[in-house]
Amino acid sequence: MRKPVASLILLVFIVLYIVLVGTFSGMIETWPRWAQLVFYVIAGFAWILPLKPLFAWMNDGTPQDSDD
């Protein structure tokens, strides 16, 4: 049951995150191109940080692979 719940949370979060970053696009359109690039690169990776606990919780019930 964890994976469907986590998938739904992930989907909702990504949609809200896209809307949030999209609202900032109007504010940063006057910035130099290099600053816009930096903003979008950081925004492109920043969504992962708040979701790391969700991914850990989602995969907590899966068996661990061992190389023993």
N, C-alpha and C. Protein backbone atom coordinates (compact mmCIF):
# COMPACT_ATOMS: atom_id res chain seq x y z
N MET A 1 0.81 -1.20 0.00
CA MET A 1 0.00 0.00 0.00
C MET A 1 0.86 1.27 0.00
N ARG A 2 2.13 1.12 0.36
CA ARG A 2 3.01 2.29 0.44
C ARG A 2 3.25 2.92 -0.93
N LYS A 3 3.50 2.10 -1.93
CA LYS A 3 3.85 2.65 -3.24
C LYS A 3 2.73 3.43 -3.89
N PRO A 4 1.48 2.98 -3.87
CA PRO A 4 0.41 3.82 -4.44
C PRO A 4 0.22 5.14 -3.69
N VAL A 5 0.31 5.09 -2.37
CA VAL A 5 0.16 6.33 -1.58
C VAL A 5 1.32 7.28 -1.88
N ALA A 6 2.53 6.75 -1.89
CA ALA A 6 3.70 7.59 -2.17
C ALA A 6 3.66 8.13 -3.59
N SER A 7 3.17 7.35 -4.53
CA SER A 7 3.06 7.82 -5.91
C SER A 7 2.08 8.97 -6.02
N LEU A 8 0.97 8.87 -5.32
CA LEU A 8 -0.01 9.96 -5.33
C LEU A 8 0.57 11.22 -4.69
N ILE A 9 1.24 11.08 -3.57
CA ILE A 9 1.89 12.23 -2.91
C ILE A 9 2.93 12.84 -3.83
N LEU A 10 3.72 12.00 -4.49
CA LEU A 10 4.75 12.48 -5.42
C LEU A 10 4.11 13.25 -6.57
N LEU A 11 3.05 12.73 -7.13
CA LEU A 11 2.37 13.40 -8.24
C LEU A 11 1.84 14.77 -7.83
N VAL A 12 1.19 14.83 -6.67
CA VAL A 12 0.64 16.10 -6.19
C VAL A 12 1.78 17.10 -5.92
N PHE A 13 2.85 16.62 -5.29
CA PHE A 13 3.98 17.50 -4.98
C PHE A 13 4.61 18.06 -6.25
N ILE A 14 4.82 17.21 -7.24
CA ILE A 14 5.46 17.65 -8.49
C ILE A 14 4.59 18.69 -9.19
N VAL A 15 3.29 18.47 -9.23
CA VAL A 15 2.40 19.45 -9.87
C VAL A 15 2.47 20.79 -9.14
N LEU A 16 2.41 20.75 -7.81
CA LEU A 16 2.49 22.00 -7.04
C LEU A 16 3.85 22.67 -7.20
N TYR A 17 4.91 21.87 -7.27
CA TYR A 17 6.25 22.43 -7.44
C TYR A 17 6.40 23.09 -8.81
N ILE A 18 5.84 22.47 -9.84
CA ILE A 18 5.90 23.06 -11.18
C ILE A 18 5.15 24.38 -11.21
N VAL A 19 3.99 24.44 -10.57
CA VAL A 19 3.23 25.68 -10.51
C VAL A 19 4.02 26.75 -9.75
N LEU A 20 4.66 26.37 -8.66
CA LEU A 20 5.45 27.32 -7.88
C LEU A 20 6.61 27.88 -8.69
N VAL A 21 7.36 27.01 -9.33
CA VAL A 21 8.50 27.48 -10.14
C VAL A 21 8.00 28.30 -11.32
N GLY A 22 6.87 27.91 -11.88
CA GLY A 22 6.30 28.66 -12.99
C GLY A 22 5.88 30.06 -12.60
N THR A 23 5.42 30.24 -11.37
CA THR A 23 5.04 31.58 -10.93
C THR A 23 6.26 32.48 -10.78
N PHE A 24 7.39 31.88 -10.46
CA PHE A 24 8.62 32.68 -10.36
C PHE A 24 9.17 33.05 -11.73
N SER A 25 8.76 32.38 -12.77
CA SER A 25 9.32 32.66 -14.10
C SER A 25 9.03 34.09 -14.54
N GLY A 26 7.89 34.63 -14.14
CA GLY A 26 7.59 36.02 -14.48
C GLY A 26 8.50 36.99 -13.77
N MET A 27 8.92 36.64 -12.57
CA MET A 27 9.79 37.52 -11.80
C MET A 27 11.22 37.49 -12.31
N ILE A 28 11.66 36.34 -12.80
CA ILE A 28 13.08 36.22 -13.17
C ILE A 28 13.33 36.48 -14.65
N GLU A 29 12.28 36.81 -15.41
CA GLU A 29 12.50 37.02 -16.84
C GLU A 29 13.36 38.25 -17.13
N THR A 30 13.50 39.14 -16.17
CA THR A 30 14.34 40.32 -16.36
C THR A 30 15.79 40.07 -15.92
N TRP A 31 16.02 38.93 -15.30
CA TRP A 31 17.38 38.58 -14.87
C TRP A 31 18.25 38.28 -16.08
N PRO A 32 19.56 38.40 -15.91
CA PRO A 32 20.45 37.99 -17.01
C PRO A 32 20.27 36.49 -17.30
N ARG A 33 20.60 36.09 -18.52
CA ARG A 33 20.40 34.69 -18.93
C ARG A 33 21.16 33.71 -18.04
N TRP A 34 22.38 34.08 -17.62
CA TRP A 34 23.16 33.16 -16.79
C TRP A 34 22.48 32.96 -15.43
N ALA A 35 21.86 34.03 -14.89
CA ALA A 35 21.17 33.91 -13.60
C ALA A 35 19.91 33.07 -13.73
N GLN A 36 19.21 33.21 -14.85
CA GLN A 36 18.05 32.37 -15.10
C GLN A 36 18.46 30.90 -15.20
N LEU A 37 19.56 30.64 -15.88
CA LEU A 37 20.06 29.28 -16.00
C LEU A 37 20.37 28.69 -14.63
N VAL A 38 21.04 29.46 -13.79
CA VAL A 38 21.37 28.99 -12.44
C VAL A 38 20.08 28.70 -11.66
N PHE A 39 19.11 29.60 -11.75
CA PHE A 39 17.84 29.39 -11.05
C PHE A 39 17.17 28.10 -11.49
N TYR A 40 17.07 27.88 -12.80
CA TYR A 40 16.36 26.70 -13.29
C TYR A 40 17.14 25.41 -13.04
N VAL A 41 18.46 25.47 -13.02
CA VAL A 41 19.24 24.27 -12.68
C VAL A 41 19.02 23.91 -11.21
N ILE A 42 19.07 24.91 -10.34
CA ILE A 42 18.82 24.66 -8.91
C ILE A 42 17.39 24.17 -8.70
N ALA A 43 16.43 24.81 -9.35
CA ALA A 43 15.03 24.40 -9.21
C ALA A 43 14.82 22.99 -9.77
N GLY A 44 15.57 22.63 -10.78
CA GLY A 44 15.44 21.31 -11.37
C GLY A 44 15.90 20.19 -10.45
N PHE A 45 16.81 20.48 -9.55
CA PHE A 45 17.29 19.47 -8.61
C PHE A 45 16.71 19.63 -7.21
N ALA A 46 16.20 20.79 -6.87
CA ALA A 46 15.75 21.07 -5.51
C ALA A 46 14.51 20.27 -5.11
N TRP A 47 13.73 19.80 -6.06
CA TRP A 47 12.52 19.05 -5.72
C TRP A 47 12.85 17.72 -5.06
N ILE A 48 14.06 17.23 -5.28
CA ILE A 48 14.44 15.93 -4.75
C ILE A 48 14.58 15.97 -3.23
N LEU A 49 15.13 17.05 -2.71
CA LEU A 49 15.43 17.13 -1.27
C LEU A 49 14.21 16.92 -0.37
N PRO A 50 13.09 17.59 -0.59
CA PRO A 50 11.96 17.34 0.31
C PRO A 50 11.33 15.96 0.12
N LEU A 51 11.60 15.31 -1.01
CA LEU A 51 10.99 14.00 -1.27
C LEU A 51 11.87 12.82 -0.85
N LYS A 52 13.09 13.07 -0.42
CA LYS A 52 13.95 11.97 0.01
C LYS A 52 13.33 11.14 1.13
N PRO A 53 12.72 11.75 2.16
CA PRO A 53 12.06 10.92 3.19
C PRO A 53 10.90 10.09 2.62
N LEU A 54 10.18 10.65 1.65
CA LEU A 54 9.09 9.90 1.03
C LEU A 54 9.62 8.68 0.30
N PHE A 55 10.70 8.84 -0.46
CA PHE A 55 11.30 7.71 -1.17
C PHE A 55 11.81 6.66 -0.19
N ALA A 56 12.41 7.11 0.91
CA ALA A 56 12.90 6.17 1.91
C ALA A 56 11.74 5.41 2.54
N TRP A 57 10.65 6.10 2.86
CA TRP A 57 9.49 5.44 3.45
C TRP A 57 8.86 4.47 2.45
N MET A 58 8.78 4.87 1.20
CA MET A 58 8.17 4.05 0.18
C MET A 58 8.94 2.74 -0.02
N ASN A 59 10.25 2.80 0.05
CA ASN A 59 11.07 1.62 -0.20
C ASN A 59 11.47 0.88 1.07
N ASP A 60 10.97 1.31 2.21
CA ASP A 60 11.33 0.70 3.48
C ASP A 60 10.88 -0.75 3.59
N GLY A 61 9.78 -1.09 2.99
CA GLY A 61 9.25 -2.44 3.11
C GLY A 61 9.80 -3.42 2.09
N THR A 62 10.68 -2.97 1.21
CA THR A 62 11.22 -3.88 0.19
C THR A 62 12.41 -4.65 0.73
N PRO A 63 12.57 -5.89 0.30
CA PRO A 63 13.74 -6.65 0.77
C PRO A 63 15.03 -6.06 0.23
N GLN A 64 16.08 -6.13 1.03
CA GLN A 64 17.37 -5.60 0.65
C GLN A 64 18.15 -6.63 -0.17
N ASP A 65 18.79 -6.18 -1.23
CA ASP A 65 19.67 -7.06 -2.00
C ASP A 65 21.00 -7.17 -1.29
N SER A 66 21.52 -8.36 -1.21
CA SER A 66 22.83 -8.53 -0.57
C SER A 66 23.76 -9.21 -1.54
N ASP A 67 24.99 -8.81 -1.51
CA ASP A 67 26.01 -9.39 -2.39
C ASP A 67 26.83 -10.44 -1.68
N ASP A 68 26.35 -10.96 -0.56
CA ASP A 68 27.09 -11.95 0.22
C ASP A 68 27.17 -13.28 -0.49
